[in-house]
Amino acid sequence: MKTPFLGGSTVYRSTNVAYNRCINLYPEIVETKDGKDIGGLIGCPGTTKRLTLATTPVRALFETPTILYAVAGNKFYSITTGWTATERGTLSTSTGNVSIDWNGVQLMIVDGTYGYAYTIATTTFAQITDVDFPGADTVRYLNTYFVFNNPSTGKFMITASLDGTSVDALDFATAEGSPDNVVGVETNNDQLYLFGVETTEPWIKTGNPDFPYERIGNTFIEEGCVAPFSIAKIDNSIFWVGNGKQGRGIVRRLVGYTAQRISTHSEELEIATATTMSDIKGFAYQQDGHSFYVISSTSGDWTLCYDVASGLWHERAFRNTSTGVFERHRSNCYAFFNGFHVTGDYVTGEVYTFHLDVYADDGDALRWLRTWRALPPGQNDLDSVIFHRLQIDLEAGVGLASGQGSDPQILLRYSNDGGHTFGNDHSASIGGATGEFGRRAIWRRLGSSRHGRDRVFELSGTDPVKRTFIGARMRATASNS
């Protein structure tokens, strides 16, 4: 029979309810009806180090067509397509979030307390000294103006047209629908969104000579943002971790002017483990037709990823080589530059690119893991089940010519108490030499479970080879004992 191997991560407060983990693998649905199965599990991208910045950590990345810009520690850098970094300026802060945007000529950089302007043609970096600049957490460029929030107020402000260094104290407006502090700004489809603590408002440029932006009618979104740097846009929409009058920690997607819930109780349970929920950071990217929204928390030590194509979540993680345990992914910020997906490390000054055909994290083992409940939904409840055989359908013949991965192994272990405890690992080879495409991973004599529905299987591996899983079948019978 089929066992429900395919799917995303679903872990509930009690593992007896659901314990389906999908770490460093993402589900892909076959979009036609002629696939071998409804889909498969694909290995998440590995990372390659491109350069190391002299200061740490990497706080922000921003791409232009020819130059990548980075803030690491208290330094501002330009990076060429050949991955050569040049220091261009010094910030007055060395930690915390940084937001960057540009108008084609000039970059504006804000770090919460201070603002800076970088003129590309002259490579001039300078702190914004205009006395009317109050500081800012986030900045966006829209219709010739830099737009930014005024920290700890319900106001947002604009700079002079095409000049991030000039600010007029009278060039501000206030979110009108609720007495709410504006914590972040974002643009989408030529509209401006003001994210407050508990509410969100869309505005649009009208060209009013007194102030160029106005709220769109009486439009008002009854959901704010708990983590301003979780705000990201992709697939013609905005995604963020929400906060409202009744609670927080639900991941939202803007659909029209509605904050649609896209997280499940599983993700919301994980988000709640962040002791400082405001530290959640997010970015979005597109790869192989998938639009991914990725959020990470340092205080919660996790990374979750939503796939717009499938509507499913999975986990991403870095395997600590000292402890062997999963930690949050190293990616702290993102840019798409020179055809590469680029990320910066949240601890070090490393700048990475990530690729689906790279199977390690900067040379370190990239461990993947999948757990799932053995019996499919609707299976008759059986007091005791004997598990005779488990077969994993996968892409075999991916072994390397030599070294680790020349005889790639998959490890299996299982739990009979719903995922609370697991037994020992049992290994299986998936093709010792490249070209052994007919291999299957098979395990036999897998014992019995007194309560069949409590059997949970776990697969994992670390070999640096391609990982593609298509499905799983098992042979099991009811026991009379």
Protein backbone atom coordinates (compact mmCIF):
# COMPACT_ATOMS: atom_id res chain seq x y z
CA MET A 1 0.00 0.00 0.00
CA LYS A 2 1.00 3.63 -0.37
CA THR A 3 2.20 5.34 2.76
CA PRO A 4 1.67 9.15 2.93
CA PHE A 5 5.29 10.09 2.34
CA LEU A 6 4.71 13.15 0.13
CA GLY A 7 3.76 16.46 1.72
CA GLY A 8 5.07 19.40 3.70
CA SER A 9 5.83 20.01 7.36
CA THR A 10 2.95 19.60 9.81
CA VAL A 11 3.92 19.32 13.48
CA TYR A 12 1.32 19.97 16.16
CA ARG A 13 1.58 20.70 19.86
CA SER A 14 1.20 16.98 20.46
CA THR A 15 3.17 14.80 18.05
CA ASN A 16 0.44 12.20 18.43
CA VAL A 17 -1.83 14.50 16.41
CA ALA A 18 0.67 15.07 13.58
CA TYR A 19 4.42 14.73 13.21
CA ASN A 20 5.30 15.25 9.56
CA ARG A 21 8.60 17.08 9.24
CA CYS A 22 10.08 18.09 5.91
CA ILE A 23 13.54 19.64 6.44
CA ASN A 24 15.70 20.80 3.53
CA LEU A 25 13.23 19.17 1.14
CA TYR A 26 10.30 20.83 -0.56
CA PRO A 27 7.22 19.23 -2.16
CA GLU A 28 6.69 19.70 -5.87
CA ILE A 29 3.34 18.88 -7.46
CA VAL A 30 3.27 17.35 -10.95
CA GLU A 31 1.14 19.83 -12.90
CA THR A 32 0.01 17.33 -15.53
CA LYS A 33 -1.75 14.00 -15.10
CA ASP A 34 1.00 11.87 -16.59
CA GLY A 35 3.50 11.89 -13.72
CA LYS A 36 4.67 8.76 -11.95
CA ASP A 37 2.96 10.07 -8.83
CA ILE A 38 1.19 13.27 -7.80
CA GLY A 39 4.55 14.87 -7.05
CA GLY A 40 7.84 14.45 -5.27
CA LEU A 41 10.18 15.86 -2.67
CA ILE A 42 13.09 17.92 -4.03
CA GLY A 43 16.29 18.79 -2.18
CA CYS A 44 16.53 22.44 -1.11
CA PRO A 45 19.45 24.44 -2.53
CA GLY A 46 22.91 24.27 -1.06
CA THR A 47 25.23 27.24 -0.63
CA THR A 48 28.55 28.32 -2.12
CA LYS A 49 30.65 31.02 -0.47
CA ARG A 50 31.49 33.86 -2.86
CA LEU A 51 33.37 36.21 -0.55
CA THR A 52 33.90 37.13 3.09
CA LEU A 53 33.31 40.71 4.19
CA ALA A 54 35.71 42.10 6.78
CA THR A 55 32.96 43.05 9.23
CA THR A 56 30.10 41.02 10.70
CA PRO A 57 27.26 40.15 10.48
CA VAL A 58 25.79 40.75 7.03
CA ARG A 59 22.84 43.02 7.83
CA ALA A 60 21.50 43.87 4.37
CA LEU A 61 21.98 43.26 0.65
CA PHE A 62 20.69 45.38 -2.22
CA GLU A 63 21.14 44.77 -5.94
CA THR A 64 21.42 47.11 -8.88
CA PRO A 65 21.99 45.86 -12.45
CA THR A 66 25.78 46.06 -12.20
CA ILE A 67 26.69 46.35 -8.51
CA LEU A 68 25.61 44.52 -5.35
CA TYR A 69 25.63 46.57 -2.13
CA ALA A 70 25.99 45.19 1.37
CA VAL A 71 25.98 46.37 4.95
CA ALA A 72 28.04 44.17 7.27
CA GLY A 73 28.69 45.29 10.82
CA ASN A 74 29.18 49.05 10.59
CA LYS A 75 30.53 49.09 7.04
CA PHE A 76 28.89 49.69 3.66
CA TYR A 77 30.35 47.82 0.66
CA SER A 78 29.98 47.65 -3.10
CA ILE A 79 30.49 44.23 -4.70
CA THR A 80 31.26 43.62 -8.37
CA THR A 81 30.03 40.79 -10.56
CA GLY A 82 33.46 39.21 -9.99
CA TRP A 83 32.72 39.12 -6.23
CA THR A 84 35.23 41.79 -5.26
CA ALA A 85 34.12 43.96 -2.35
CA THR A 86 35.15 47.58 -1.76
CA GLU A 87 34.40 49.44 1.46
CA ARG A 88 32.47 52.63 0.68
CA GLY A 89 31.43 54.03 4.05
CA THR A 90 30.88 53.63 7.79
CA LEU A 91 27.56 53.50 9.64
CA SER A 92 26.99 54.73 13.16
CA THR A 93 25.54 51.36 14.16
CA SER A 94 27.03 47.88 13.85
CA THR A 95 24.04 45.64 14.68
CA GLY A 96 20.32 45.60 13.96
CA ASN A 97 18.24 45.68 10.82
CA VAL A 98 19.05 47.83 7.80
CA SER A 99 16.76 48.86 4.94
CA ILE A 100 17.95 50.06 1.51
CA ASP A 101 16.35 51.37 -1.68
CA TRP A 102 17.48 53.47 -4.63
CA ASN A 103 16.23 55.97 -7.19
CA GLY A 104 18.61 54.96 -9.97
CA VAL A 105 21.20 57.54 -8.97
CA GLN A 106 21.36 57.41 -5.22
CA LEU A 107 20.88 54.80 -2.50
CA MET A 108 19.19 55.61 0.79
CA ILE A 109 20.17 53.42 3.74
CA VAL A 110 18.42 53.50 7.15
CA ASP A 111 19.21 51.57 10.32
CA GLY A 112 16.48 52.70 12.71
CA THR A 113 18.33 55.65 14.21
CA TYR A 114 20.31 57.10 11.31
CA GLY A 115 20.06 57.52 7.58
CA TYR A 116 22.76 57.57 4.90
CA ALA A 117 22.97 58.43 1.21
CA TYR A 118 25.29 56.88 -1.33
CA THR A 119 25.76 58.57 -4.70
CA ILE A 120 26.68 55.95 -7.27
CA ALA A 121 28.43 58.17 -9.82
CA THR A 122 30.81 59.70 -7.29
CA THR A 123 30.95 56.71 -4.87
CA THR A 124 30.21 59.17 -2.08
CA PHE A 125 28.76 57.85 1.18
CA ALA A 126 27.50 60.29 3.82
CA GLN A 127 25.21 60.34 6.81
CA ILE A 128 22.00 62.32 6.32
CA THR A 129 22.47 65.41 8.47
CA ASP A 130 19.25 67.25 7.68
CA VAL A 131 17.83 68.25 11.08
CA ASP A 132 14.35 67.27 9.91
CA PHE A 133 15.32 63.62 9.37
CA PRO A 134 13.96 61.71 12.42
CA GLY A 135 15.53 58.33 11.68
CA ALA A 136 13.73 55.41 9.99
CA ASP A 137 13.31 51.65 10.22
CA THR A 138 12.34 50.97 6.60
CA VAL A 139 12.61 52.93 3.36
CA ARG A 140 11.12 52.46 -0.11
CA TYR A 141 11.32 54.46 -3.33
CA LEU A 142 8.08 55.32 -5.12
CA ASN A 143 7.33 57.91 -7.81
CA THR A 144 10.53 60.02 -7.38
CA TYR A 145 10.38 60.06 -3.55
CA PHE A 146 12.04 58.01 -0.84
CA VAL A 147 9.29 57.09 1.64
CA PHE A 148 10.09 56.05 5.21
CA ASN A 149 8.41 55.56 8.57
CA ASN A 150 8.97 57.95 11.46
CA PRO A 151 9.93 55.58 14.29
CA SER A 152 7.53 55.22 17.25
CA THR A 153 4.91 57.43 15.62
CA GLY A 154 1.94 57.00 13.31
CA LYS A 155 3.68 59.12 10.68
CA PHE A 156 5.51 58.46 7.47
CA MET A 157 7.64 60.98 5.62
CA ILE A 158 9.11 61.61 2.20
CA THR A 159 12.38 63.13 1.04
CA ALA A 160 12.69 65.78 -1.62
CA SER A 161 12.10 64.48 -5.12
CA LEU A 162 15.10 62.40 -6.28
CA ASP A 163 17.18 63.48 -3.26
CA GLY A 164 17.43 61.28 -0.18
CA THR A 165 19.53 63.82 1.71
CA SER A 166 16.85 66.51 1.86
CA VAL A 167 13.89 66.21 4.25
CA ASP A 168 11.26 68.81 5.12
CA ALA A 169 9.61 68.46 8.52
CA LEU A 170 6.26 69.32 6.91
CA ASP A 171 6.49 66.50 4.34
CA PHE A 172 4.69 63.88 6.42
CA ALA A 173 1.32 62.23 6.75
CA THR A 174 -0.31 60.12 9.43
CA ALA A 175 -1.98 56.76 9.12
CA GLU A 176 -5.61 57.73 9.49
CA GLY A 177 -7.65 54.61 10.14
CA SER A 178 -6.31 53.84 13.62
CA PRO A 179 -4.04 55.51 16.19
CA ASP A 180 -1.30 53.07 15.31
CA ASN A 181 2.47 53.45 15.03
CA VAL A 182 3.81 52.83 11.52
CA VAL A 183 6.52 50.16 11.84
CA GLY A 184 7.24 49.53 8.16
CA VAL A 185 6.53 50.65 4.62
CA GLU A 186 6.29 48.59 1.44
CA THR A 187 5.32 49.23 -2.17
CA ASN A 188 3.44 46.97 -4.55
CA ASN A 189 1.86 47.66 -7.94
CA ASP A 190 2.54 51.39 -7.62
CA GLN A 191 0.81 51.57 -4.24
CA LEU A 192 2.26 52.34 -0.82
CA TYR A 193 1.39 50.20 2.20
CA LEU A 194 1.79 51.52 5.73
CA PHE A 195 2.19 48.63 8.17
CA GLY A 196 1.23 49.53 11.70
CA VAL A 197 1.43 47.50 14.87
CA GLU A 198 -2.20 46.35 14.54
CA THR A 199 -3.45 47.74 11.22
CA THR A 200 -2.32 48.37 7.65
CA GLU A 201 -3.33 51.10 5.20
CA PRO A 202 -2.85 51.38 1.42
CA TRP A 203 -1.99 54.79 -0.04
CA ILE A 204 -1.46 56.00 -3.59
CA LYS A 205 0.26 58.94 -5.25
CA THR A 206 -2.27 61.56 -6.36
CA GLY A 207 0.04 64.48 -7.12
CA ASN A 208 -1.59 66.71 -4.52
CA PRO A 209 0.73 69.76 -4.28
CA ASP A 210 0.49 69.79 -0.46
CA PHE A 211 1.47 66.14 -0.10
CA PRO A 212 1.71 63.70 -3.02
CA TYR A 213 0.17 60.60 -1.34
CA GLU A 214 -3.35 59.96 -0.12
CA ARG A 215 -5.08 57.02 1.50
CA ILE A 216 -7.08 54.90 -0.95
CA GLY A 217 -10.67 55.77 -0.04
CA ASN A 218 -11.66 54.22 3.27
CA THR A 219 -9.61 51.08 2.66
CA PHE A 220 -8.34 49.66 5.90
CA ILE A 221 -6.76 46.29 6.77
CA GLU A 222 -7.43 45.00 10.29
CA GLU A 223 -4.03 43.35 10.62
CA GLY A 224 -0.69 44.87 11.44
CA CYS A 225 2.85 43.52 11.57
CA VAL A 226 4.78 42.09 14.51
CA ALA A 227 8.07 41.87 12.60
CA PRO A 228 8.69 44.71 10.11
CA PHE A 229 11.56 42.86 8.43
CA SER A 230 9.34 39.87 7.73
CA ILE A 231 7.62 41.98 5.06
CA ALA A 232 8.48 40.75 1.55
CA LYS A 233 6.77 40.73 -1.80
CA ILE A 234 6.52 38.15 -4.58
CA ASP A 235 3.87 36.78 -6.89
CA ASN A 236 2.28 40.26 -7.15
CA SER A 237 1.55 40.25 -3.44
CA ILE A 238 2.97 41.12 -0.01
CA PHE A 239 3.69 38.57 2.74
CA TRP A 240 4.35 39.25 6.42
CA VAL A 241 4.00 37.96 10.00
CA GLY A 242 0.90 39.58 11.38
CA ASN A 243 -0.23 41.20 14.59
CA GLY A 244 -3.75 42.24 15.51
CA LYS A 245 -5.96 43.22 18.39
CA GLN A 246 -6.69 39.58 19.23
CA GLY A 247 -3.21 38.09 18.83
CA ARG A 248 -0.13 37.74 16.69
CA GLY A 249 2.06 35.27 14.86
CA ILE A 250 -0.12 34.36 11.86
CA VAL A 251 1.58 34.60 8.46
CA ARG A 252 -0.47 36.73 6.09
CA ARG A 253 -0.66 37.31 2.36
CA LEU A 254 -2.27 40.38 0.88
CA VAL A 255 -5.09 39.36 -1.47
CA GLY A 256 -6.73 42.50 -2.78
CA TYR A 257 -7.03 44.44 0.46
CA THR A 258 -7.56 41.36 2.62
CA ALA A 259 -4.90 39.89 4.92
CA GLN A 260 -5.29 36.21 4.04
CA ARG A 261 -3.95 33.61 6.48
CA ILE A 262 -1.43 31.29 4.79
CA SER A 263 0.20 29.70 7.85
CA THR A 264 -1.25 26.64 9.55
CA HIS A 265 -1.33 25.81 13.24
CA SER A 266 1.97 24.00 12.71
CA GLU A 267 3.84 27.14 11.59
CA GLU A 268 2.05 29.29 14.15
CA LEU A 269 3.21 26.96 16.91
CA GLU A 270 6.80 27.32 15.69
CA ILE A 271 6.52 31.10 15.33
CA ALA A 272 5.32 31.29 18.94
CA THR A 273 8.64 29.81 20.12
CA ALA A 274 10.42 33.03 19.12
CA THR A 275 11.02 34.83 22.41
CA THR A 276 11.44 38.06 20.46
CA MET A 277 8.94 37.77 17.62
CA SER A 278 10.02 41.12 16.20
CA ASP A 279 13.37 39.54 15.20
CA ILE A 280 11.72 37.44 12.48
CA LYS A 281 13.17 38.33 9.09
CA GLY A 282 11.85 37.34 5.69
CA PHE A 283 12.74 37.40 2.03
CA ALA A 284 11.18 36.00 -1.13
CA TYR A 285 12.65 34.56 -4.31
CA GLN A 286 11.70 32.56 -7.39
CA GLN A 287 13.46 29.41 -8.56
CA ASP A 288 12.38 26.75 -11.06
CA GLY A 289 8.90 28.24 -11.21
CA HIS A 290 8.43 28.16 -7.44
CA SER A 291 7.87 31.40 -5.54
CA PHE A 292 9.25 30.93 -2.03
CA TYR A 293 8.67 33.10 1.03
CA VAL A 294 11.31 32.39 3.70
CA ILE A 295 11.17 33.53 7.34
CA SER A 296 13.78 32.99 10.06
CA SER A 297 14.02 33.75 13.76
CA THR A 298 17.25 33.99 15.72
CA SER A 299 15.52 33.79 19.11
CA GLY A 300 13.40 30.83 17.98
CA ASP A 301 16.29 29.25 16.03
CA TRP A 302 14.18 28.14 13.06
CA THR A 303 13.58 28.82 9.36
CA LEU A 304 10.25 28.18 7.66
CA CYS A 305 9.49 28.38 3.95
CA TYR A 306 6.17 28.75 2.12
CA ASP A 307 5.85 27.63 -1.49
CA VAL A 308 3.24 29.71 -3.31
CA ALA A 309 2.92 27.07 -6.06
CA SER A 310 1.88 24.21 -3.77
CA GLY A 311 0.57 26.19 -0.79
CA LEU A 312 2.71 23.96 1.45
CA TRP A 313 5.33 24.78 4.08
CA HIS A 314 8.66 23.10 4.71
CA GLU A 315 11.60 23.73 7.02
CA ARG A 316 15.09 24.85 6.11
CA ALA A 317 18.01 24.42 8.43
CA PHE A 318 21.76 24.53 8.87
CA ARG A 319 23.34 21.50 10.52
CA ASN A 320 25.73 22.61 13.23
CA THR A 321 28.88 20.61 12.60
CA SER A 322 29.86 20.70 16.29
CA THR A 323 26.58 19.53 17.81
CA GLY A 324 24.98 17.79 14.83
CA VAL A 325 21.64 19.53 15.50
CA PHE A 326 19.53 21.66 13.20
CA GLU A 327 19.70 25.44 13.58
CA ARG A 328 18.08 28.29 11.66
CA HIS A 329 19.36 28.73 8.13
CA ARG A 330 22.38 31.00 7.79
CA SER A 331 20.61 33.38 5.39
CA ASN A 332 19.94 36.76 6.98
CA CYS A 333 19.18 38.86 3.89
CA TYR A 334 18.75 38.31 0.17
CA ALA A 335 19.32 39.82 -3.27
CA PHE A 336 19.06 38.52 -6.82
CA PHE A 337 22.25 39.74 -8.46
CA ASN A 338 23.95 38.91 -11.75
CA GLY A 339 21.69 35.88 -12.19
CA PHE A 340 22.51 34.50 -8.73
CA HIS A 341 20.44 34.10 -5.59
CA VAL A 342 22.65 35.80 -2.98
CA THR A 343 22.38 35.70 0.82
CA GLY A 344 24.38 37.09 3.72
CA ASP A 345 25.23 35.22 6.92
CA TYR A 346 23.46 36.30 10.12
CA VAL A 347 26.59 35.61 12.23
CA THR A 348 29.65 35.98 10.00
CA GLY A 349 30.64 38.18 7.06
CA GLU A 350 30.11 35.39 4.53
CA VAL A 351 28.19 36.11 1.34
CA TYR A 352 26.78 33.01 -0.35
CA THR A 353 24.97 32.05 -3.51
CA PHE A 354 22.56 29.14 -3.39
CA HIS A 355 21.86 26.57 -6.09
CA LEU A 356 19.67 23.50 -6.54
CA ASP A 357 22.63 21.56 -7.96
CA VAL A 358 24.81 22.23 -4.90
CA TYR A 359 24.29 19.61 -2.19
CA ALA A 360 26.26 21.03 0.75
CA ASP A 361 26.33 24.20 2.86
CA ASP A 362 29.62 25.87 1.91
CA GLY A 363 31.31 22.46 2.03
CA ASP A 364 29.58 21.33 5.24
CA ALA A 365 27.10 18.48 5.18
CA LEU A 366 23.57 19.54 4.30
CA ARG A 367 21.37 17.14 6.24
CA TRP A 368 17.81 16.51 5.07
CA LEU A 369 15.05 14.79 7.00
CA ARG A 370 11.52 13.56 6.37
CA THR A 371 9.12 12.11 8.96
CA TRP A 372 5.59 10.89 8.28
CA ARG A 373 2.89 8.75 9.86
CA ALA A 374 3.05 5.26 8.33
CA LEU A 375 -0.66 4.53 7.89
CA PRO A 376 -2.58 6.64 5.39
CA PRO A 377 -5.70 8.61 6.40
CA GLY A 378 -8.80 6.46 6.37
CA GLN A 379 -6.89 3.27 7.18
CA ASN A 380 -8.84 1.01 9.53
CA ASP A 381 -7.75 1.32 13.13
CA LEU A 382 -5.75 -1.75 14.04
CA ASP A 383 -4.67 -2.67 17.55
CA SER A 384 -1.37 -4.06 16.32
CA VAL A 385 0.41 -3.91 12.94
CA ILE A 386 3.43 -5.83 11.66
CA PHE A 387 5.53 -3.80 9.19
CA HIS A 388 7.19 -6.19 6.75
CA ARG A 389 8.73 -3.87 4.18
CA LEU A 390 9.19 -0.22 3.24
CA GLN A 391 10.30 0.86 -0.26
CA ILE A 392 11.22 4.41 -1.23
CA ASP A 393 10.89 5.38 -4.88
CA LEU A 394 13.61 7.89 -5.73
CA GLU A 395 16.10 9.04 -8.34
CA ALA A 396 18.94 6.58 -7.90
CA GLY A 397 22.30 6.36 -9.62
CA VAL A 398 23.41 9.73 -8.28
CA GLY A 399 26.55 8.54 -6.50
CA LEU A 400 29.81 10.41 -6.97
CA ALA A 401 32.97 8.98 -8.49
CA SER A 402 34.87 9.09 -5.20
CA GLY A 403 34.77 10.34 -1.62
CA GLN A 404 31.67 10.97 0.46
CA GLY A 405 28.71 10.31 -1.78
CA SER A 406 30.35 7.54 -3.81
CA ASP A 407 28.02 5.11 -2.04
CA PRO A 408 25.21 7.42 -0.86
CA GLN A 409 23.17 6.16 2.06
CA ILE A 410 19.71 6.87 3.43
CA LEU A 411 19.05 6.31 7.11
CA LEU A 412 15.71 5.03 8.39
CA ARG A 413 14.47 4.87 11.93
CA TYR A 414 10.99 4.66 13.34
CA SER A 415 8.86 5.51 16.33
CA ASN A 416 5.96 3.53 17.82
CA ASP A 417 4.72 6.32 20.09
CA GLY A 418 3.73 8.99 17.59
CA GLY A 419 7.19 10.56 17.25
CA HIS A 420 8.14 11.00 20.90
CA THR A 421 11.03 8.52 20.76
CA PHE A 422 12.83 6.76 17.91
CA GLY A 423 14.88 3.60 17.60
CA ASN A 424 18.22 3.03 15.90
CA ASP A 425 19.14 4.00 12.34
CA HIS A 426 19.05 1.43 9.54
CA SER A 427 20.88 2.35 6.34
CA ALA A 428 20.21 1.60 2.68
CA SER A 429 22.27 2.41 -0.40
CA ILE A 430 20.71 4.38 -3.27
CA GLY A 431 23.26 3.59 -5.97
CA GLY A 432 26.95 3.17 -5.41
CA ALA A 433 27.96 4.25 -8.88
CA THR A 434 26.57 6.88 -11.17
CA GLY A 435 24.16 5.25 -13.60
CA GLU A 436 22.55 2.66 -11.29
CA PHE A 437 19.17 4.16 -12.03
CA GLY A 438 17.13 1.07 -11.17
CA ARG A 439 17.94 1.10 -7.47
CA ARG A 440 15.27 1.43 -4.77
CA ALA A 441 15.80 1.97 -1.07
CA ILE A 442 14.25 -1.02 0.70
CA TRP A 443 14.05 -2.02 4.36
CA ARG A 444 12.57 -5.29 5.64
CA ARG A 445 11.46 -6.73 8.99
CA LEU A 446 10.56 -3.39 10.54
CA GLY A 447 8.93 -4.78 13.62
CA SER A 448 5.43 -4.16 14.90
CA SER A 449 3.50 -1.39 16.53
CA ARG A 450 0.89 -2.15 19.12
CA HIS A 451 -1.11 0.80 17.83
CA GLY A 452 -0.49 1.00 14.10
CA ARG A 453 -1.45 4.63 13.81
CA ASP A 454 1.37 5.59 16.18
CA ARG A 455 4.10 4.31 13.80
CA VAL A 456 6.13 7.23 12.42
CA PHE A 457 8.95 6.69 9.93
CA GLU A 458 11.95 9.03 9.64
CA LEU A 459 14.32 9.20 6.67
CA SER A 460 17.48 11.32 6.64
CA GLY A 461 20.80 11.69 4.89
CA THR A 462 23.88 13.88 4.55
CA ASP A 463 25.65 12.65 1.42
CA PRO A 464 26.32 15.51 -1.05
CA VAL A 465 24.27 14.05 -3.90
CA LYS A 466 21.05 14.90 -5.68
CA ARG A 467 17.94 14.25 -3.59
CA THR A 468 14.67 13.52 -5.39
CA PHE A 469 11.99 11.33 -3.78
CA ILE A 470 8.87 10.25 -5.64
CA GLY A 471 6.89 8.17 -3.16
CA ALA A 472 6.87 5.32 -0.68
CA ARG A 473 5.08 1.99 -0.38
CA MET A 474 4.98 -0.48 2.47
CA ARG A 475 3.73 -3.95 3.24
CA ALA A 476 2.01 -4.31 6.57
CA THR A 477 -0.47 -6.74 8.09
CA ALA A 478 -2.69 -6.78 11.14
CA SER A 479 -1.43 -8.83 14.04
CA ASN A 480 -3.63 -11.05 16.19
CA SER A 481 -1.50 -10.38 19.25
